[in-house]
Protein backbone atom coordinates (compact mmCIF):
# COMPACT_ATOMS: atom_id res chain seq x y z
CA PRO A 1 195.42 107.20 32.10
CA SER A 2 193.86 105.71 29.15
CA GLU A 3 189.82 105.52 28.75
CA GLU A 4 190.41 102.29 26.70
CA PRO A 5 188.74 99.12 28.45
CA THR A 6 191.21 96.65 29.28
CA ASP A 7 190.88 92.92 28.56
CA GLY A 8 190.95 91.23 31.67
CA GLY A 9 191.53 94.01 34.09
CA LEU A 10 189.95 95.22 36.87
CA PHE A 11 186.98 97.66 36.35
CA ASP A 12 188.39 101.39 36.50
CA ALA A 13 185.91 103.16 38.80
CA SER A 14 187.85 106.48 38.59
CA SER A 15 185.82 107.85 35.70
CA SER A 16 182.31 106.60 37.34
CA LEU A 17 182.36 109.99 39.27
CA SER A 18 180.91 112.89 37.54
CA GLY A 19 179.77 116.27 38.08
CA VAL A 20 181.31 116.44 41.57
CA SER A 21 180.91 119.55 43.98
CA CYS A 22 182.48 119.56 47.29
CA GLU A 23 182.41 122.89 48.95
CA PRO A 24 180.93 124.43 52.17
CA THR A 25 177.76 126.22 52.88
CA GLY A 26 178.59 128.53 55.60
CA ASP A 27 181.30 126.59 57.86
CA SER A 28 179.31 123.24 56.99
CA TRP A 29 181.04 120.98 53.90
CA SER A 30 179.07 118.97 51.63
CA PHE A 31 180.08 116.39 48.43
CA THR A 32 177.54 115.90 45.62
CA GLY A 33 178.12 114.41 42.58
CA THR A 34 176.79 111.69 39.95
CA LEU A 35 177.85 108.09 40.11
CA ALA A 36 177.73 105.91 36.69
CA ASN A 37 178.28 102.20 36.33
CA SER A 38 179.44 101.72 32.78
CA ASP A 39 180.42 97.90 33.52
CA THR A 40 178.14 94.98 32.54
CA GLU A 41 177.93 93.87 36.10
CA GLU A 42 176.23 95.24 39.34
CA HIS A 43 179.04 96.71 41.59
CA THR A 44 179.05 98.66 45.20
CA PHE A 45 181.12 101.59 45.06
CA THR A 46 182.47 103.41 47.84
CA VAL A 47 182.40 107.14 47.52
CA ALA A 48 185.09 109.23 49.64
CA ALA A 49 185.02 112.75 50.36
CA PHE A 50 188.34 114.05 51.87
CA VAL A 51 189.17 117.88 53.41
CA MET A 52 192.86 118.06 53.55
CA LYS A 53 195.22 120.78 54.60
CA LEU A 54 197.02 122.67 52.05
CA SER A 55 199.90 123.66 54.24
CA ASP A 56 200.93 119.96 55.12
CA GLY A 57 198.55 117.68 53.23
CA SER A 58 197.35 116.22 56.27
CA GLN A 59 193.53 114.73 56.34
CA VAL A 60 190.94 117.07 58.30
CA ALA A 61 188.13 114.85 57.79
CA SER A 62 186.69 112.32 55.47
CA LYS A 63 183.51 110.52 55.30
CA GLU A 64 182.46 107.48 52.69
CA ILE A 65 179.42 106.07 51.60
CA ASP A 66 178.56 102.88 49.87
CA VAL A 67 176.43 102.58 46.52
CA LYS A 68 175.19 99.97 45.03
CA LEU A 69 174.33 100.17 41.30
CA ALA A 70 172.90 98.20 38.57
CA ALA A 71 175.06 97.44 35.33
CA GLY A 72 174.47 100.66 33.31
CA ALA A 73 172.59 102.57 35.91
CA SER A 74 173.61 105.79 37.48
CA ALA A 75 172.35 108.09 40.42
CA PRO A 76 173.04 111.11 42.61
CA VAL A 77 175.24 110.49 45.46
CA ALA A 78 175.63 113.09 48.26
CA ILE A 79 177.70 113.27 51.53
CA ARG A 80 176.04 116.19 53.83
CA ASP A 81 177.39 117.90 56.26
CA PHE A 82 180.26 115.72 57.00
CA TRP A 83 182.70 118.40 58.33
CA THR A 84 182.45 121.61 59.85
CA GLY A 85 185.31 124.49 59.24
CA PRO A 86 186.43 127.37 57.20
CA LYS A 87 187.32 127.09 53.66
CA ALA A 88 190.39 129.03 53.85
CA GLY A 89 193.76 126.61 53.88
CA VAL A 90 191.62 123.54 53.02
CA GLU A 91 190.59 121.79 50.10
CA CYS A 92 188.20 119.09 48.98
CA LEU A 93 189.27 115.44 47.32
CA SER A 94 187.05 112.76 46.44
CA GLY A 95 187.41 109.54 45.14
CA VAL A 96 185.52 106.45 43.88
CA THR A 97 186.28 102.48 44.24
CA VAL A 98 184.69 99.40 43.84
CA LYS A 99 184.05 97.08 46.75
CA GLY A 100 185.21 93.73 46.33
CA LEU A 101 187.97 94.26 43.11
């Protein structure tokens, strides 16, 4: 996907999340990252972390949080201890969307 802004298009939240880490400490999984609002309006973002089985792609666990950011603002985000389980055979994925768009 292009990083170019689109005229009249929806605000693309996919590039708003950076510095993502999602891994277990022991058997307890946590997600952290930095969320930035590069738009000229305040938005409420939904940040989600998912643990998926590598064998069949099924979802093992997920957790979502909502974060309100003013235009041009950024903030650290964290979803702590959202799943307990071994690292073997699973991967963590994350995503971000903008509510109301």
